[in-house]
Amino acid sequence: MDKAIHTLKQKSSESFLFFIIQLILFHLSSFLLMWITYSKGVSIIVNIVLAVFLVFFVQNGIELNNLMALSENDVTDTDLDAKPV
């Protein structure tokens, strides 16, 4: 059971990390696409809007992670037969 819990915890962390990497790479590719596709003036305006959204996503992601993350002291993964207090 401990191995399963440890594996699920690791996969959860990996999934969140890959999601954040994907979000950043998506925005970077959007920035580059704007410079390739549109004129300089349009690209600057659109990139500013995209940058605002990226900052918004990062701030909310950090806030949610801080609110919902559990410390190692708050969780139990080994003492499954313990009597409730």
C-alpha atoms as a PDB file:
ATOM      1  CA  MET A   1       0.000   0.000   0.000  1.00  0.00           C
ATOM      2  CA  ASP A   2       2.852   2.391   0.823  1.00  0.00           C
ATOM      3  CA  LYS A   3       4.377   1.809  -2.593  1.00  0.00           C
ATOM      4  CA  ALA A   4       1.072   2.620  -4.309  1.00  0.00           C
ATOM      5  CA  ILE A   5       0.626   5.825  -2.322  1.00  0.00           C
ATOM      6  CA  HIS A   6       4.198   6.921  -2.996  1.00  0.00           C
ATOM      7  CA  THR A   7       3.815   6.185  -6.729  1.00  0.00           C
ATOM      8  CA  LEU A   8       0.532   8.112  -6.966  1.00  0.00           C
ATOM      9  CA  LYS A   9       2.038  11.078  -5.151  1.00  0.00           C
ATOM     10  CA  GLN A  10       4.997  11.076  -7.534  1.00  0.00           C
ATOM     11  CA  LYS A  11       2.749  10.808 -10.612  1.00  0.00           C
ATOM     12  CA  SER A  12       0.603  13.675  -9.337  1.00  0.00           C
ATOM     13  CA  SER A  13       3.655  15.911  -8.969  1.00  0.00           C
ATOM     14  CA  GLU A  14       4.937  14.927 -12.410  1.00  0.00           C
ATOM     15  CA  SER A  15       1.546  15.609 -14.016  1.00  0.00           C
ATOM     16  CA  PHE A  16       1.361  19.068 -12.475  1.00  0.00           C
ATOM     17  CA  LEU A  17       4.917  19.851 -13.574  1.00  0.00           C
ATOM     18  CA  PHE A  18       4.198  18.738 -17.158  1.00  0.00           C
ATOM     19  CA  PHE A  19       1.014  20.832 -17.192  1.00  0.00           C
ATOM     20  CA  ILE A  20       2.955  23.950 -16.140  1.00  0.00           C
ATOM     21  CA  ILE A  21       5.660  23.270 -18.750  1.00  0.00           C
ATOM     22  CA  GLN A  22       2.984  22.807 -21.426  1.00  0.00           C
ATOM     23  CA  LEU A  23       1.303  26.065 -20.443  1.00  0.00           C
ATOM     24  CA  ILE A  24       4.560  28.020 -20.674  1.00  0.00           C
ATOM     25  CA  LEU A  25       5.544  26.416 -23.998  1.00  0.00           C
ATOM     26  CA  PHE A  26       2.095  27.153 -25.433  1.00  0.00           C
ATOM     27  CA  HIS A  27       2.467  30.830 -24.582  1.00  0.00           C
ATOM     28  CA  LEU A  28       6.019  30.962 -25.963  1.00  0.00           C
ATOM     29  CA  SER A  29       4.860  29.429 -29.243  1.00  0.00           C
ATOM     30  CA  SER A  30       2.001  31.947 -29.377  1.00  0.00           C
ATOM     31  CA  PHE A  31       4.472  34.811 -28.873  1.00  0.00           C
ATOM     32  CA  LEU A  32       6.630  33.535 -31.728  1.00  0.00           C
ATOM     33  CA  LEU A  33       3.645  32.936 -33.998  1.00  0.00           C
ATOM     34  CA  MET A  34       2.526  36.555 -33.584  1.00  0.00           C
ATOM     35  CA  TRP A  35       5.954  37.832 -34.674  1.00  0.00           C
ATOM     36  CA  ILE A  36       5.969  35.565 -37.726  1.00  0.00           C
ATOM     37  CA  THR A  37       2.375  36.142 -38.821  1.00  0.00           C
ATOM     38  CA  TYR A  38       1.547  39.796 -38.143  1.00  0.00           C
ATOM     39  CA  SER A  39       3.131  43.231 -38.441  1.00  0.00           C
ATOM     40  CA  LYS A  40       5.310  44.642 -35.680  1.00  0.00           C
ATOM     41  CA  GLY A  41       2.570  46.858 -34.165  1.00  0.00           C
ATOM     42  CA  VAL A  42      -0.022  44.085 -34.021  1.00  0.00           C
ATOM     43  CA  SER A  43       2.543  41.626 -32.662  1.00  0.00           C
ATOM     44  CA  ILE A  44       3.484  43.957 -29.798  1.00  0.00           C
ATOM     45  CA  ILE A  45      -0.150  44.491 -28.770  1.00  0.00           C
ATOM     46  CA  VAL A  46      -1.064  40.807 -28.978  1.00  0.00           C
ATOM     47  CA  ASN A  47       2.096  39.760 -27.112  1.00  0.00           C
ATOM     48  CA  ILE A  48       1.287  42.208 -24.318  1.00  0.00           C
ATOM     49  CA  VAL A  49      -2.181  40.666 -23.993  1.00  0.00           C
ATOM     50  CA  LEU A  50      -0.709  37.147 -24.005  1.00  0.00           C
ATOM     51  CA  ALA A  51       1.888  38.166 -21.410  1.00  0.00           C
ATOM     52  CA  VAL A  52      -0.873  39.504 -19.143  1.00  0.00           C
ATOM     53  CA  PHE A  53      -2.694  36.169 -19.403  1.00  0.00           C
ATOM     54  CA  LEU A  54       0.518  34.251 -18.709  1.00  0.00           C
ATOM     55  CA  VAL A  55       1.203  36.320 -15.589  1.00  0.00           C
ATOM     56  CA  PHE A  56      -2.418  35.798 -14.506  1.00  0.00           C
ATOM     57  CA  PHE A  57      -2.143  32.017 -14.973  1.00  0.00           C
ATOM     58  CA  VAL A  58       1.166  31.817 -13.104  1.00  0.00           C
ATOM     59  CA  GLN A  59      -0.087  33.926 -10.170  1.00  0.00           C
ATOM     60  CA  ASN A  60      -3.284  31.896  -9.845  1.00  0.00           C
ATOM     61  CA  GLY A  61      -1.370  28.624 -10.177  1.00  0.00           C
ATOM     62  CA  ILE A  62       1.023  29.585  -7.403  1.00  0.00           C
ATOM     63  CA  GLU A  63      -1.855  30.723  -5.197  1.00  0.00           C
ATOM     64  CA  LEU A  64      -3.827  27.512  -5.767  1.00  0.00           C
ATOM     65  CA  ASN A  65      -0.767  25.372  -5.171  1.00  0.00           C
ATOM     66  CA  ASN A  66      -0.049  27.152  -1.881  1.00  0.00           C
ATOM     67  CA  LEU A  67      -3.672  26.832  -0.759  1.00  0.00           C
ATOM     68  CA  MET A  68      -4.142  23.177  -1.672  1.00  0.00           C
ATOM     69  CA  ALA A  69      -0.713  21.645  -1.106  1.00  0.00           C
ATOM     70  CA  LEU A  70      -0.332  19.462   1.954  1.00  0.00           C
ATOM     71  CA  SER A  71       2.865  19.231   3.918  1.00  0.00           C
ATOM     72  CA  GLU A  72       4.390  15.852   4.672  1.00  0.00           C
ATOM     73  CA  ASN A  73       3.449  16.263   8.355  1.00  0.00           C
ATOM     74  CA  ASP A  74      -0.259  16.611   7.515  1.00  0.00           C
ATOM     75  CA  VAL A  75      -0.562  13.293   5.681  1.00  0.00           C
ATOM     76  CA  THR A  76      -0.091   9.692   6.746  1.00  0.00           C
ATOM     77  CA  ASP A  77       0.923   6.907   4.420  1.00  0.00           C
ATOM     78  CA  THR A  78       2.310   4.237   6.739  1.00  0.00           C
ATOM     79  CA  ASP A  79       0.156   3.839   9.853  1.00  0.00           C
ATOM     80  CA  LEU A  80      -3.028   2.466   8.273  1.00  0.00           C
ATOM     81  CA  ASP A  81      -3.962   0.296  11.277  1.00  0.00           C
ATOM     82  CA  ALA A  82      -3.806   3.100  13.822  1.00  0.00           C
ATOM     83  CA  LYS A  83      -6.863   3.687  15.945  1.00  0.00           C
ATOM     84  CA  PRO A  84      -8.601   7.044  15.366  1.00  0.00           C
ATOM     85  CA  VAL A  85      -7.997   9.678  18.024  1.00  0.00           C
END
